[in-house]
Amino acid sequence: DRWIRGESHVAETGDIVALRVDVAEVKRAEAALEARRREYFSLLQILPDMILRFDRNLVIRFANDKFASRVGMCAEEVIGRSLAEFANNPEQRAQLAQVTRYTREEPVRSQEICTEGPNGEEIWVLWTAVAIFDEEGVAEVVSVGRDITEAKRQQRQVEAQTSELRRKNEALDQFTATVSHDLKAPLRHLSMFAEMISEDLHRGEFEELPHYADHVRKSAARMRRIIDSLLEFSQ
């Protein structure tokens, strides 16, 4: 398994100088590098995220299958095209035009972008981009896009549930205040007539006691009806 590179050179005298160079180590290094490249490429293809690499002119240099399938193409068809071709609205095209605004101090940016799916549904993607610089500025941008549509749906569901819970809590507070007021009314009557009964007994006056007792019974009956209604409502 040895590799030899042969080179032949014609000298000015007409003689042929033949060189035989052992390049086995170089070949092994190239094979190892190619194996790692294939490994890296396979990893990029099995990741659930969309991966793009484009230059300062927005020309796509690499796209994995996830991104290609999202735009209805194969990866080979995407490479070499302008990224602006896949922007769905003027806002996205304006965002892409800001590629030169990356700086060495802040080379990473993240942004949530909403696009329209084939059936008109909303699709949310979180794009995280990292700029690579050369002496002229931004040379390339590597961008990773993760579909967060389901997370957005759950977030909206939680917000709706929170809003509904807040509304119910406000209604419960109002209900509690109303019940508290309705319960206090017969309690006030019971307390008032019990005090009047006590005063009349202390003075030895008994004529109004049956009248007061009747009011006590009515207030107690009203409170019982309210409590029974509450129990029925809770069930």
C-alpha atoms as a PDB file:
ATOM      1  CA  ASP A   1       0.000   0.000   0.000  1.00  0.00           C
ATOM      2  CA  ARG A   2       2.683   2.470  -0.930  1.00  0.00           C
ATOM      3  CA  TRP A   3       2.133   5.397  -3.261  1.00  0.00           C
ATOM      4  CA  ILE A   4       4.825   6.707  -5.579  1.00  0.00           C
ATOM      5  CA  ARG A   5       4.533   9.895  -7.586  1.00  0.00           C
ATOM      6  CA  GLY A   6       6.528   9.807 -10.820  1.00  0.00           C
ATOM      7  CA  GLU A   7       7.826  12.990 -12.455  1.00  0.00           C
ATOM      8  CA  SER A   8       9.889  13.244 -15.633  1.00  0.00           C
ATOM      9  CA  HIS A   9      11.775  16.375 -16.704  1.00  0.00           C
ATOM     10  CA  VAL A  10      13.675  16.985 -19.945  1.00  0.00           C
ATOM     11  CA  ALA A  11      17.014  18.703 -19.287  1.00  0.00           C
ATOM     12  CA  GLU A  12      18.649  21.199 -21.681  1.00  0.00           C
ATOM     13  CA  THR A  13      21.050  18.488 -22.734  1.00  0.00           C
ATOM     14  CA  GLY A  14      18.146  16.343 -23.854  1.00  0.00           C
ATOM     15  CA  ASP A  15      18.535  13.926 -20.987  1.00  0.00           C
ATOM     16  CA  ILE A  16      15.426  12.888 -19.085  1.00  0.00           C
ATOM     17  CA  VAL A  17      15.536  13.269 -15.337  1.00  0.00           C
ATOM     18  CA  ALA A  18      13.086  10.912 -13.671  1.00  0.00           C
ATOM     19  CA  LEU A  19      11.977  11.503 -10.084  1.00  0.00           C
ATOM     20  CA  ARG A  20      10.170   8.973  -7.959  1.00  0.00           C
ATOM     21  CA  VAL A  21       8.741  10.442  -4.764  1.00  0.00           C
ATOM     22  CA  ASP A  22       7.222   8.361  -1.950  1.00  0.00           C
ATOM     23  CA  VAL A  23       3.868  10.019  -1.177  1.00  0.00           C
ATOM     24  CA  ALA A  24       2.364   7.233   0.921  1.00  0.00           C
ATOM     25  CA  GLU A  25       2.164   9.445   4.027  1.00  0.00           C
ATOM     26  CA  VAL A  26       0.548  12.247   2.037  1.00  0.00           C
ATOM     27  CA  LYS A  27      -1.987   9.804   0.601  1.00  0.00           C
ATOM     28  CA  ARG A  28      -2.808   8.449   4.043  1.00  0.00           C
ATOM     29  CA  ALA A  29      -3.283  11.994   5.348  1.00  0.00           C
ATOM     30  CA  GLU A  30      -5.521  12.807   2.378  1.00  0.00           C
ATOM     31  CA  ALA A  31      -7.553   9.643   2.954  1.00  0.00           C
ATOM     32  CA  ALA A  32      -7.958  10.479   6.644  1.00  0.00           C
ATOM     33  CA  LEU A  33      -8.974  14.027   5.752  1.00  0.00           C
ATOM     34  CA  GLU A  34     -11.511  12.760   3.216  1.00  0.00           C
ATOM     35  CA  ALA A  35     -12.929  10.328   5.775  1.00  0.00           C
ATOM     36  CA  ARG A  36     -13.363  13.156   8.251  1.00  0.00           C
ATOM     37  CA  ARG A  37     -14.923  15.319   5.557  1.00  0.00           C
ATOM     38  CA  ARG A  38     -17.454  12.574   4.805  1.00  0.00           C
ATOM     39  CA  GLU A  39     -18.108  12.189   8.524  1.00  0.00           C
ATOM     40  CA  TYR A  40     -18.690  15.926   8.881  1.00  0.00           C
ATOM     41  CA  PHE A  41     -20.911  16.003   5.797  1.00  0.00           C
ATOM     42  CA  SER A  42     -22.988  13.056   7.079  1.00  0.00           C
ATOM     43  CA  LEU A  43     -23.402  14.804  10.412  1.00  0.00           C
ATOM     44  CA  LEU A  44     -24.653  17.955   8.712  1.00  0.00           C
ATOM     45  CA  GLN A  45     -27.188  15.912   6.759  1.00  0.00           C
ATOM     46  CA  ILE A  46     -28.662  14.028   9.728  1.00  0.00           C
ATOM     47  CA  LEU A  47     -29.030  17.098  11.937  1.00  0.00           C
ATOM     48  CA  PRO A  48     -32.653  18.255  12.317  1.00  0.00           C
ATOM     49  CA  ASP A  49     -31.626  21.853  11.601  1.00  0.00           C
ATOM     50  CA  MET A  50     -31.213  23.677   8.294  1.00  0.00           C
ATOM     51  CA  ILE A  51     -27.607  24.671   7.603  1.00  0.00           C
ATOM     52  CA  LEU A  52     -26.423  27.268   5.113  1.00  0.00           C
ATOM     53  CA  ARG A  53     -23.096  28.819   4.193  1.00  0.00           C
ATOM     54  CA  PHE A  54     -23.097  31.862   1.942  1.00  0.00           C
ATOM     55  CA  ASP A  55     -20.588  34.540   0.986  1.00  0.00           C
ATOM     56  CA  ARG A  56     -20.711  38.323   1.245  1.00  0.00           C
ATOM     57  CA  ASN A  57     -22.615  38.444  -2.048  1.00  0.00           C
ATOM     58  CA  LEU A  58     -25.293  36.106  -0.628  1.00  0.00           C
ATOM     59  CA  VAL A  59     -24.226  33.295  -2.969  1.00  0.00           C
ATOM     60  CA  ILE A  60     -24.910  29.936  -1.335  1.00  0.00           C
ATOM     61  CA  ARG A  61     -21.767  27.833  -0.951  1.00  0.00           C
ATOM     62  CA  PHE A  62     -23.284  24.977   1.040  1.00  0.00           C
ATOM     63  CA  ALA A  63     -26.777  23.831   1.973  1.00  0.00           C
ATOM     64  CA  ASN A  64     -27.764  20.618   3.689  1.00  0.00           C
ATOM     65  CA  ASP A  65     -30.701  18.483   2.628  1.00  0.00           C
ATOM     66  CA  LYS A  66     -32.975  19.964   5.318  1.00  0.00           C
ATOM     67  CA  PHE A  67     -32.773  23.425   3.789  1.00  0.00           C
ATOM     68  CA  ALA A  68     -32.972  22.124   0.222  1.00  0.00           C
ATOM     69  CA  SER A  69     -36.131  20.137   0.946  1.00  0.00           C
ATOM     70  CA  ARG A  70     -37.688  23.190   2.594  1.00  0.00           C
ATOM     71  CA  VAL A  71     -37.351  25.128  -0.677  1.00  0.00           C
ATOM     72  CA  GLY A  72     -38.356  22.148  -2.828  1.00  0.00           C
ATOM     73  CA  MET A  73     -34.944  21.437  -4.355  1.00  0.00           C
ATOM     74  CA  CYS A  74     -31.990  19.145  -3.895  1.00  0.00           C
ATOM     75  CA  ALA A  75     -28.803  20.452  -2.304  1.00  0.00           C
ATOM     76  CA  GLU A  76     -26.882  20.508  -5.605  1.00  0.00           C
ATOM     77  CA  GLU A  77     -29.519  22.785  -7.161  1.00  0.00           C
ATOM     78  CA  VAL A  78     -29.345  25.246  -4.275  1.00  0.00           C
ATOM     79  CA  ILE A  79     -25.560  25.714  -4.282  1.00  0.00           C
ATOM     80  CA  GLY A  80     -24.491  28.673  -6.407  1.00  0.00           C
ATOM     81  CA  ARG A  81     -27.862  30.435  -6.221  1.00  0.00           C
ATOM     82  CA  SER A  82     -28.442  33.735  -4.464  1.00  0.00           C
ATOM     83  CA  LEU A  83     -29.982  33.461  -1.034  1.00  0.00           C
ATOM     84  CA  ALA A  84     -32.242  36.377  -1.938  1.00  0.00           C
ATOM     85  CA  GLU A  85     -34.117  34.052  -4.324  1.00  0.00           C
ATOM     86  CA  PHE A  86     -35.510  32.190  -1.326  1.00  0.00           C
ATOM     87  CA  ALA A  87     -36.636  35.270   0.629  1.00  0.00           C
ATOM     88  CA  ASN A  88     -40.428  35.270   0.793  1.00  0.00           C
ATOM     89  CA  ASN A  89     -41.026  38.971   1.405  1.00  0.00           C
ATOM     90  CA  PRO A  90     -39.264  42.370   1.227  1.00  0.00           C
ATOM     91  CA  GLU A  91     -38.600  42.310   4.971  1.00  0.00           C
ATOM     92  CA  GLN A  92     -36.520  39.142   4.665  1.00  0.00           C
ATOM     93  CA  ARG A  93     -34.620  40.543   1.689  1.00  0.00           C
ATOM     94  CA  ALA A  94     -33.856  43.681   3.696  1.00  0.00           C
ATOM     95  CA  GLN A  95     -32.552  41.530   6.553  1.00  0.00           C
ATOM     96  CA  LEU A  96     -30.265  39.628   4.187  1.00  0.00           C
ATOM     97  CA  ALA A  97     -28.873  42.912   2.888  1.00  0.00           C
ATOM     98  CA  GLN A  98     -27.488  43.584   6.367  1.00  0.00           C
ATOM     99  CA  VAL A  99     -24.864  40.882   6.002  1.00  0.00           C
ATOM    100  CA  THR A 100     -22.124  43.518   5.935  1.00  0.00           C
ATOM    101  CA  ARG A 101     -23.170  44.807   9.358  1.00  0.00           C
ATOM    102  CA  TYR A 102     -21.613  41.881  11.188  1.00  0.00           C
ATOM    103  CA  THR A 103     -18.595  42.939  13.185  1.00  0.00           C
ATOM    104  CA  ARG A 104     -15.684  41.065  14.704  1.00  0.00           C
ATOM    105  CA  GLU A 105     -16.906  42.212  18.124  1.00  0.00           C
ATOM    106  CA  GLU A 106     -20.414  40.845  17.456  1.00  0.00           C
ATOM    107  CA  PRO A 107     -20.099  38.086  14.868  1.00  0.00           C
ATOM    108  CA  VAL A 108     -23.185  36.121  16.023  1.00  0.00           C
ATOM    109  CA  ARG A 109     -26.819  37.034  15.445  1.00  0.00           C
ATOM    110  CA  SER A 110     -30.093  35.246  16.161  1.00  0.00           C
ATOM    111  CA  GLN A 111     -33.491  36.074  14.740  1.00  0.00           C
ATOM    112  CA  GLU A 112     -36.941  34.496  14.551  1.00  0.00           C
ATOM    113  CA  ILE A 113     -38.403  34.606  11.045  1.00  0.00           C
ATOM    114  CA  CYS A 114     -41.967  33.738  10.068  1.00  0.00           C
ATOM    115  CA  THR A 115     -42.609  32.306   6.607  1.00  0.00           C
ATOM    116  CA  GLU A 116     -45.630  30.895   4.863  1.00  0.00           C
ATOM    117  CA  GLY A 117     -45.836  27.151   4.291  1.00  0.00           C
ATOM    118  CA  PRO A 118     -47.121  25.424   1.134  1.00  0.00           C
ATOM    119  CA  ASN A 119     -50.644  25.291   2.594  1.00  0.00           C
ATOM    120  CA  GLY A 120     -50.613  28.876   3.813  1.00  0.00           C
ATOM    121  CA  GLU A 121     -49.725  27.951   7.383  1.00  0.00           C
ATOM    122  CA  GLU A 122     -47.246  29.926   9.491  1.00  0.00           C
ATOM    123  CA  ILE A 123     -43.764  28.443   9.832  1.00  0.00           C
ATOM    124  CA  TRP A 124     -41.403  29.945  12.396  1.00  0.00           C
ATOM    125  CA  VAL A 125     -37.638  29.407  12.111  1.00  0.00           C
ATOM    126  CA  LEU A 126     -34.977  30.548  14.563  1.00  0.00           C
ATOM    127  CA  TRP A 127     -31.868  31.428  12.548  1.00  0.00           C
ATOM    128  CA  THR A 128     -28.506  31.759  14.269  1.00  0.00           C
ATOM    129  CA  ALA A 129     -25.744  33.111  12.040  1.00  0.00           C
ATOM    130  CA  VAL A 130     -21.985  33.334  12.601  1.00  0.00           C
ATOM    131  CA  ALA A 131     -19.863  35.570  10.379  1.00  0.00           C
ATOM    132  CA  ILE A 132     -16.358  34.614   9.200  1.00  0.00           C
ATOM    133  CA  PHE A 133     -14.049  37.518   8.365  1.00  0.00           C
ATOM    134  CA  ASP A 134     -11.109  38.173   6.077  1.00  0.00           C
ATOM    135  CA  GLU A 135      -9.094  41.331   5.485  1.00  0.00           C
ATOM    136  CA  GLU A 136     -11.989  42.860   3.515  1.00  0.00           C
ATOM    137  CA  GLY A 137     -14.638  42.225   6.161  1.00  0.00           C
ATOM    138  CA  VAL A 138     -17.330  39.553   6.145  1.00  0.00           C
ATOM    139  CA  ALA A 139     -16.181  36.691   3.946  1.00  0.00           C
ATOM    140  CA  GLU A 140     -18.838  34.099   4.714  1.00  0.00           C
ATOM    141  CA  VAL A 141     -21.752  33.503   7.025  1.00  0.00           C
ATOM    142  CA  VAL A 142     -22.653  30.109   8.462  1.00  0.00           C
ATOM    143  CA  SER A 143     -26.318  30.022   9.451  1.00  0.00           C
ATOM    144  CA  VAL A 144     -28.293  27.368  11.325  1.00  0.00           C
ATOM    145  CA  GLY A 145     -32.091  27.393  11.200  1.00  0.00           C
ATOM    146  CA  ARG A 146     -34.278  25.511  13.662  1.00  0.00           C
ATOM    147  CA  ASP A 147     -38.006  25.036  13.133  1.00  0.00           C
ATOM    148  CA  ILE A 148     -39.721  26.469  16.225  1.00  0.00           C
ATOM    149  CA  THR A 149     -43.273  26.398  14.846  1.00  0.00           C
ATOM    150  CA  GLU A 150     -44.438  23.892  17.455  1.00  0.00           C
ATOM    151  CA  ALA A 151     -42.746  25.857  20.230  1.00  0.00           C
ATOM    152  CA  LYS A 152     -44.505  29.011  18.998  1.00  0.00           C
ATOM    153  CA  ARG A 153     -47.830  27.171  18.957  1.00  0.00           C
ATOM    154  CA  GLN A 154     -47.288  25.969  22.524  1.00  0.00           C
ATOM    155  CA  GLN A 155     -46.214  29.459  23.576  1.00  0.00           C
ATOM    156  CA  ARG A 156     -49.421  30.931  22.168  1.00  0.00           C
ATOM    157  CA  GLN A 157     -51.432  28.175  23.849  1.00  0.00           C
ATOM    158  CA  VAL A 158     -49.798  28.959  27.184  1.00  0.00           C
ATOM    159  CA  GLU A 159     -50.468  32.671  26.681  1.00  0.00           C
ATOM    160  CA  ALA A 160     -54.118  31.932  25.872  1.00  0.00           C
ATOM    161  CA  GLN A 161     -54.421  29.657  28.914  1.00  0.00           C
ATOM    162  CA  THR A 162     -52.765  32.307  31.091  1.00  0.00           C
ATOM    163  CA  SER A 163     -55.187  34.922  29.806  1.00  0.00           C
ATOM    164  CA  GLU A 164     -58.137  32.591  30.431  1.00  0.00           C
ATOM    165  CA  LEU A 165     -56.846  31.792  33.924  1.00  0.00           C
ATOM    166  CA  ARG A 166     -56.473  35.508  34.649  1.00  0.00           C
ATOM    167  CA  ARG A 167     -60.039  36.106  33.466  1.00  0.00           C
ATOM    168  CA  LYS A 168     -61.338  33.273  35.631  1.00  0.00           C
ATOM    169  CA  ASN A 169     -59.417  34.541  38.648  1.00  0.00           C
ATOM    170  CA  GLU A 170     -60.931  38.000  38.169  1.00  0.00           C
ATOM    171  CA  ALA A 171     -64.380  36.427  37.881  1.00  0.00           C
ATOM    172  CA  LEU A 172     -63.693  34.356  40.998  1.00  0.00           C
ATOM    173  CA  ASP A 173     -62.614  37.457  42.910  1.00  0.00           C
ATOM    174  CA  GLN A 174     -65.799  39.221  41.851  1.00  0.00           C
ATOM    175  CA  PHE A 175     -67.877  36.167  42.786  1.00  0.00           C
ATOM    176  CA  THR A 176     -66.182  35.936  46.189  1.00  0.00           C
ATOM    177  CA  ALA A 177     -66.874  39.613  46.858  1.00  0.00           C
ATOM    178  CA  THR A 178     -70.540  39.172  45.905  1.00  0.00           C
ATOM    179  CA  VAL A 179     -70.959  36.053  48.074  1.00  0.00           C
ATOM    180  CA  SER A 180     -69.205  37.749  50.971  1.00  0.00           C
ATOM    181  CA  HIS A 181     -71.577  40.709  50.723  1.00  0.00           C
ATOM    182  CA  ASP A 182     -74.650  38.463  50.513  1.00  0.00           C
ATOM    183  CA  LEU A 183     -73.537  36.429  53.538  1.00  0.00           C
ATOM    184  CA  LYS A 184     -72.788  39.488  55.639  1.00  0.00           C
ATOM    185  CA  ALA A 185     -76.331  40.875  55.252  1.00  0.00           C
ATOM    186  CA  PRO A 186     -78.131  38.093  57.217  1.00  0.00           C
ATOM    187  CA  LEU A 187     -75.239  38.010  59.677  1.00  0.00           C
ATOM    188  CA  ARG A 188     -75.736  41.696  60.363  1.00  0.00           C
ATOM    189  CA  HIS A 189     -79.466  41.065  60.914  1.00  0.00           C
ATOM    190  CA  LEU A 190     -78.747  38.166  63.276  1.00  0.00           C
ATOM    191  CA  SER A 191     -76.289  40.260  65.244  1.00  0.00           C
ATOM    192  CA  MET A 192     -78.620  43.262  65.383  1.00  0.00           C
ATOM    193  CA  PHE A 193     -81.709  41.367  66.566  1.00  0.00           C
ATOM    194  CA  ALA A 194     -79.677  39.251  69.003  1.00  0.00           C
ATOM    195  CA  GLU A 195     -78.419  42.492  70.551  1.00  0.00           C
ATOM    196  CA  MET A 196     -81.968  43.905  70.674  1.00  0.00           C
ATOM    197  CA  ILE A 197     -83.209  40.709  72.348  1.00  0.00           C
ATOM    198  CA  SER A 198     -80.384  40.953  74.890  1.00  0.00           C
ATOM    199  CA  GLU A 199     -81.232  44.601  75.677  1.00  0.00           C
ATOM    200  CA  ASP A 200     -84.969  43.868  76.103  1.00  0.00           C
ATOM    201  CA  LEU A 201     -84.231  40.899  78.373  1.00  0.00           C
ATOM    202  CA  HIS A 202     -81.921  43.105  80.439  1.00  0.00           C
ATOM    203  CA  ARG A 203     -84.714  45.698  80.796  1.00  0.00           C
ATOM    204  CA  GLY A 204     -87.348  43.046  81.438  1.00  0.00           C
ATOM    205  CA  GLU A 205     -89.350  43.924  78.335  1.00  0.00           C
ATOM    206  CA  PHE A 206     -90.731  40.844  76.570  1.00  0.00           C
ATOM    207  CA  GLU A 207     -93.405  42.172  74.223  1.00  0.00           C
ATOM    208  CA  GLU A 208     -91.156  42.464  71.121  1.00  0.00           C
ATOM    209  CA  LEU A 209     -89.186  39.258  71.677  1.00  0.00           C
ATOM    210  CA  PRO A 210     -91.388  37.107  69.381  1.00  0.00           C
ATOM    211  CA  HIS A 211     -91.032  39.733  66.649  1.00  0.00           C
ATOM    212  CA  TYR A 212     -87.261  39.796  67.046  1.00  0.00           C
ATOM    213  CA  ALA A 213     -87.068  35.994  67.118  1.00  0.00           C
ATOM    214  CA  ASP A 214     -89.052  35.850  63.861  1.00  0.00           C
ATOM    215  CA  HIS A 215     -86.474  38.153  62.214  1.00  0.00           C
ATOM    216  CA  VAL A 216     -83.648  35.933  63.537  1.00  0.00           C
ATOM    217  CA  ARG A 217     -85.319  32.844  62.032  1.00  0.00           C
ATOM    218  CA  LYS A 218     -85.789  34.593  58.668  1.00  0.00           C
ATOM    219  CA  SER A 219     -82.142  35.737  58.577  1.00  0.00           C
ATOM    220  CA  ALA A 220     -80.933  32.246  59.487  1.00  0.00           C
ATOM    221  CA  ALA A 221     -83.152  30.755  56.759  1.00  0.00           C
ATOM    222  CA  ARG A 222     -81.774  33.220  54.211  1.00  0.00           C
ATOM    223  CA  MET A 223     -78.207  32.332  55.173  1.00  0.00           C
ATOM    224  CA  ARG A 224     -79.038  28.616  54.878  1.00  0.00           C
ATOM    225  CA  ARG A 225     -80.433  29.179  51.360  1.00  0.00           C
ATOM    226  CA  ILE A 226     -77.269  31.029  50.320  1.00  0.00           C
ATOM    227  CA  ILE A 227     -75.033  28.268  51.717  1.00  0.00           C
ATOM    228  CA  ASP A 228     -77.113  25.555  49.994  1.00  0.00           C
ATOM    229  CA  SER A 229     -76.858  27.496  46.705  1.00  0.00           C
ATOM    230  CA  LEU A 230     -73.096  27.738  47.142  1.00  0.00           C
ATOM    231  CA  LEU A 231     -72.816  23.992  47.730  1.00  0.00           C
ATOM    232  CA  GLU A 232     -74.947  23.308  44.665  1.00  0.00           C
ATOM    233  CA  PHE A 233     -72.882  25.710  42.578  1.00  0.00           C
ATOM    234  CA  SER A 234     -69.592  24.145  43.711  1.00  0.00           C
ATOM    235  CA  GLN A 235     -70.843  20.683  42.680  1.00  0.00           C
END
